[in-house]
N, C-alpha and C. Protein backbone atom coordinates (compact mmCIF):
# COMPACT_ATOMS: atom_id res chain seq x y z
N MET A 1 6.93 -41.80 -34.15
CA MET A 1 8.08 -42.32 -33.46
C MET A 1 8.66 -43.47 -34.28
N ASP A 2 9.93 -43.45 -34.40
CA ASP A 2 10.63 -44.46 -35.18
C ASP A 2 10.96 -45.65 -34.29
N TRP A 3 10.39 -46.82 -34.62
CA TRP A 3 10.62 -48.01 -33.79
C TRP A 3 12.05 -48.50 -33.87
N GLY A 4 12.73 -48.23 -34.94
CA GLY A 4 14.14 -48.62 -35.07
C GLY A 4 15.00 -47.92 -34.04
N THR A 5 14.74 -46.64 -33.81
CA THR A 5 15.49 -45.87 -32.82
C THR A 5 15.20 -46.38 -31.41
N VAL A 6 13.93 -46.67 -31.14
CA VAL A 6 13.55 -47.18 -29.82
C VAL A 6 14.21 -48.52 -29.56
N LEU A 7 14.17 -49.40 -30.56
CA LEU A 7 14.79 -50.72 -30.39
C LEU A 7 16.31 -50.60 -30.25
N SER A 8 16.91 -49.68 -30.98
CA SER A 8 18.37 -49.46 -30.85
C SER A 8 18.72 -48.98 -29.44
N LEU A 9 17.95 -48.02 -28.94
CA LEU A 9 18.21 -47.54 -27.58
C LEU A 9 18.00 -48.64 -26.55
N ALA A 10 16.94 -49.43 -26.74
CA ALA A 10 16.69 -50.54 -25.82
C ALA A 10 17.83 -51.56 -25.88
N GLY A 11 18.31 -51.83 -27.10
CA GLY A 11 19.44 -52.75 -27.25
C GLY A 11 20.69 -52.23 -26.56
N LEU A 12 20.98 -50.95 -26.72
CA LEU A 12 22.14 -50.35 -26.05
C LEU A 12 22.00 -50.43 -24.53
N PHE A 13 20.79 -50.20 -24.06
CA PHE A 13 20.55 -50.28 -22.62
C PHE A 13 20.79 -51.69 -22.12
N VAL A 14 20.28 -52.68 -22.81
CA VAL A 14 20.45 -54.09 -22.40
C VAL A 14 21.93 -54.48 -22.44
N VAL A 15 22.62 -54.10 -23.50
CA VAL A 15 24.05 -54.42 -23.61
C VAL A 15 24.84 -53.72 -22.51
N GLY A 16 24.54 -52.46 -22.26
CA GLY A 16 25.25 -51.73 -21.19
C GLY A 16 24.98 -52.32 -19.82
N PHE A 17 23.74 -52.69 -19.57
CA PHE A 17 23.40 -53.30 -18.28
C PHE A 17 24.11 -54.65 -18.12
N GLY A 18 24.16 -55.44 -19.19
CA GLY A 18 24.86 -56.73 -19.14
C GLY A 18 26.34 -56.55 -18.88
N TYR A 19 26.93 -55.55 -19.53
CA TYR A 19 28.36 -55.27 -19.33
C TYR A 19 28.63 -54.88 -17.88
N LEU A 20 27.81 -54.00 -17.34
CA LEU A 20 28.00 -53.58 -15.95
C LEU A 20 27.81 -54.75 -14.98
N ALA A 21 26.83 -55.60 -15.25
CA ALA A 21 26.60 -56.78 -14.39
C ALA A 21 27.81 -57.70 -14.44
N ARG A 22 28.38 -57.89 -15.62
CA ARG A 22 29.57 -58.75 -15.77
C ARG A 22 30.75 -58.16 -15.00
N GLN A 23 30.95 -56.86 -15.12
CA GLN A 23 32.04 -56.21 -14.40
C GLN A 23 31.87 -56.33 -12.89
N MET A 24 30.64 -56.21 -12.42
CA MET A 24 30.38 -56.35 -10.98
C MET A 24 30.67 -57.77 -10.52
N ASN A 25 30.33 -58.76 -11.33
CA ASN A 25 30.63 -60.15 -10.97
C ASN A 25 32.13 -60.38 -10.88
N HIS A 26 32.89 -59.83 -11.85
CA HIS A 26 34.35 -59.97 -11.81
C HIS A 26 34.92 -59.28 -10.56
N MET A 27 34.43 -58.11 -10.26
CA MET A 27 34.91 -57.40 -9.09
C MET A 27 34.57 -58.17 -7.81
N ASP A 28 33.39 -58.74 -7.76
CA ASP A 28 32.99 -59.53 -6.60
C ASP A 28 33.87 -60.77 -6.45
N ASP A 29 34.20 -61.41 -7.56
CA ASP A 29 35.09 -62.58 -7.51
C ASP A 29 36.47 -62.21 -6.99
N ARG A 30 37.01 -61.11 -7.49
CA ARG A 30 38.33 -60.67 -7.03
C ARG A 30 38.31 -60.32 -5.55
N LEU A 31 37.26 -59.64 -5.12
CA LEU A 31 37.14 -59.27 -3.71
C LEU A 31 37.01 -60.51 -2.83
N SER A 32 36.25 -61.48 -3.28
CA SER A 32 36.08 -62.73 -2.51
C SER A 32 37.40 -63.47 -2.38
N LYS A 33 38.16 -63.54 -3.46
CA LYS A 33 39.47 -64.21 -3.41
C LYS A 33 40.41 -63.48 -2.45
N ARG A 34 40.41 -62.16 -2.50
CA ARG A 34 41.27 -61.38 -1.62
C ARG A 34 40.87 -61.59 -0.15
N MET A 35 39.57 -61.59 0.11
CA MET A 35 39.09 -61.80 1.48
C MET A 35 39.46 -63.21 1.98
N ASP A 36 39.38 -64.20 1.09
CA ASP A 36 39.77 -65.56 1.48
C ASP A 36 41.25 -65.62 1.84
N ARG A 37 42.09 -64.94 1.03
CA ARG A 37 43.53 -64.92 1.34
C ARG A 37 43.79 -64.23 2.67
N LEU A 38 43.12 -63.11 2.90
CA LEU A 38 43.30 -62.40 4.16
C LEU A 38 42.83 -63.24 5.34
N ASP A 39 41.73 -63.96 5.16
CA ASP A 39 41.23 -64.83 6.22
C ASP A 39 42.22 -65.96 6.51
N ASP A 40 42.80 -66.54 5.46
CA ASP A 40 43.80 -67.59 5.65
C ASP A 40 45.03 -67.06 6.37
N ASN A 41 45.49 -65.88 5.96
CA ASN A 41 46.66 -65.28 6.62
C ASN A 41 46.37 -64.98 8.08
N LEU A 42 45.19 -64.47 8.36
CA LEU A 42 44.83 -64.17 9.75
C LEU A 42 44.75 -65.45 10.57
N SER A 43 44.20 -66.50 10.01
CA SER A 43 44.12 -67.78 10.72
C SER A 43 45.51 -68.31 11.03
N GLN A 44 46.42 -68.21 10.08
CA GLN A 44 47.79 -68.67 10.30
C GLN A 44 48.47 -67.85 11.39
N ARG A 45 48.28 -66.55 11.37
CA ARG A 45 48.89 -65.69 12.39
C ARG A 45 48.32 -66.01 13.77
N MET A 46 47.01 -66.23 13.84
CA MET A 46 46.39 -66.57 15.12
C MET A 46 46.90 -67.91 15.64
N ASP A 47 47.11 -68.87 14.75
CA ASP A 47 47.65 -70.16 15.16
C ASP A 47 49.06 -70.00 15.72
N ARG A 48 49.88 -69.16 15.06
CA ARG A 48 51.25 -68.93 15.55
C ARG A 48 51.22 -68.24 16.91
N LEU A 49 50.32 -67.25 17.07
CA LEU A 49 50.22 -66.56 18.36
C LEU A 49 49.75 -67.51 19.46
N GLU A 50 48.83 -68.38 19.12
CA GLU A 50 48.34 -69.35 20.10
C GLU A 50 49.46 -70.29 20.52
N ALA A 51 50.28 -70.72 19.57
CA ALA A 51 51.41 -71.59 19.88
C ALA A 51 52.41 -70.86 20.79
N LYS A 52 52.70 -69.60 20.50
CA LYS A 52 53.62 -68.84 21.34
C LYS A 52 53.05 -68.64 22.74
N PHE A 53 51.75 -68.39 22.82
CA PHE A 53 51.11 -68.23 24.11
C PHE A 53 51.19 -69.53 24.91
N ASP A 54 50.99 -70.65 24.25
CA ASP A 54 51.11 -71.94 24.93
C ASP A 54 52.53 -72.16 25.44
N GLN A 55 53.54 -71.78 24.64
CA GLN A 55 54.93 -71.91 25.06
C GLN A 55 55.20 -71.04 26.29
N LEU A 56 54.72 -69.81 26.25
CA LEU A 56 54.93 -68.92 27.39
C LEU A 56 54.23 -69.45 28.64
N THR A 57 53.06 -70.01 28.47
CA THR A 57 52.34 -70.59 29.61
C THR A 57 53.13 -71.74 30.20
N GLU A 58 53.65 -72.61 29.35
CA GLU A 58 54.44 -73.74 29.82
C GLU A 58 55.71 -73.25 30.53
N ARG A 59 56.36 -72.25 29.97
CA ARG A 59 57.57 -71.71 30.61
C ARG A 59 57.24 -71.12 31.97
N TYR A 60 56.12 -70.43 32.07
CA TYR A 60 55.73 -69.83 33.34
C TYR A 60 55.41 -70.90 34.37
N ILE A 61 54.72 -71.94 33.96
CA ILE A 61 54.41 -73.04 34.88
C ILE A 61 55.70 -73.70 35.35
N THR A 62 56.63 -73.93 34.43
CA THR A 62 57.93 -74.52 34.79
C THR A 62 58.66 -73.62 35.77
N HIS A 63 58.64 -72.32 35.52
CA HIS A 63 59.29 -71.37 36.41
C HIS A 63 58.68 -71.43 37.81
N LEU A 64 57.36 -71.45 37.87
CA LEU A 64 56.70 -71.53 39.17
C LEU A 64 57.00 -72.83 39.89
N GLU A 65 57.15 -73.92 39.17
CA GLU A 65 57.50 -75.19 39.79
C GLU A 65 58.91 -75.16 40.37
N HIS A 66 59.83 -74.47 39.71
CA HIS A 66 61.22 -74.40 40.17
C HIS A 66 61.42 -73.37 41.28
N HIS A 67 60.51 -72.42 41.37
CA HIS A 67 60.65 -71.36 42.36
C HIS A 67 59.36 -71.24 43.17
N PRO A 68 59.09 -72.21 44.00
CA PRO A 68 57.86 -72.13 44.79
C PRO A 68 57.96 -71.00 45.81
N ARG A 69 56.87 -70.48 46.22
CA ARG A 69 56.87 -69.39 47.22
C ARG A 69 56.76 -69.92 48.60
């Protein structure tokens, strides 16, 4: 068995594994950034909905005060 061939194959394996690990890290970083943006957008939308709900509640209370049964 030729040790040069074995070492070459081992080197290719290590380089390929390192490349794949690097690509997975980049993909994970991109996914994390996207998830953070989506979370921020969702939080902003929920805040706006909560504000609208508060306005509707206040309008309903005012309406009930003006039109007692």
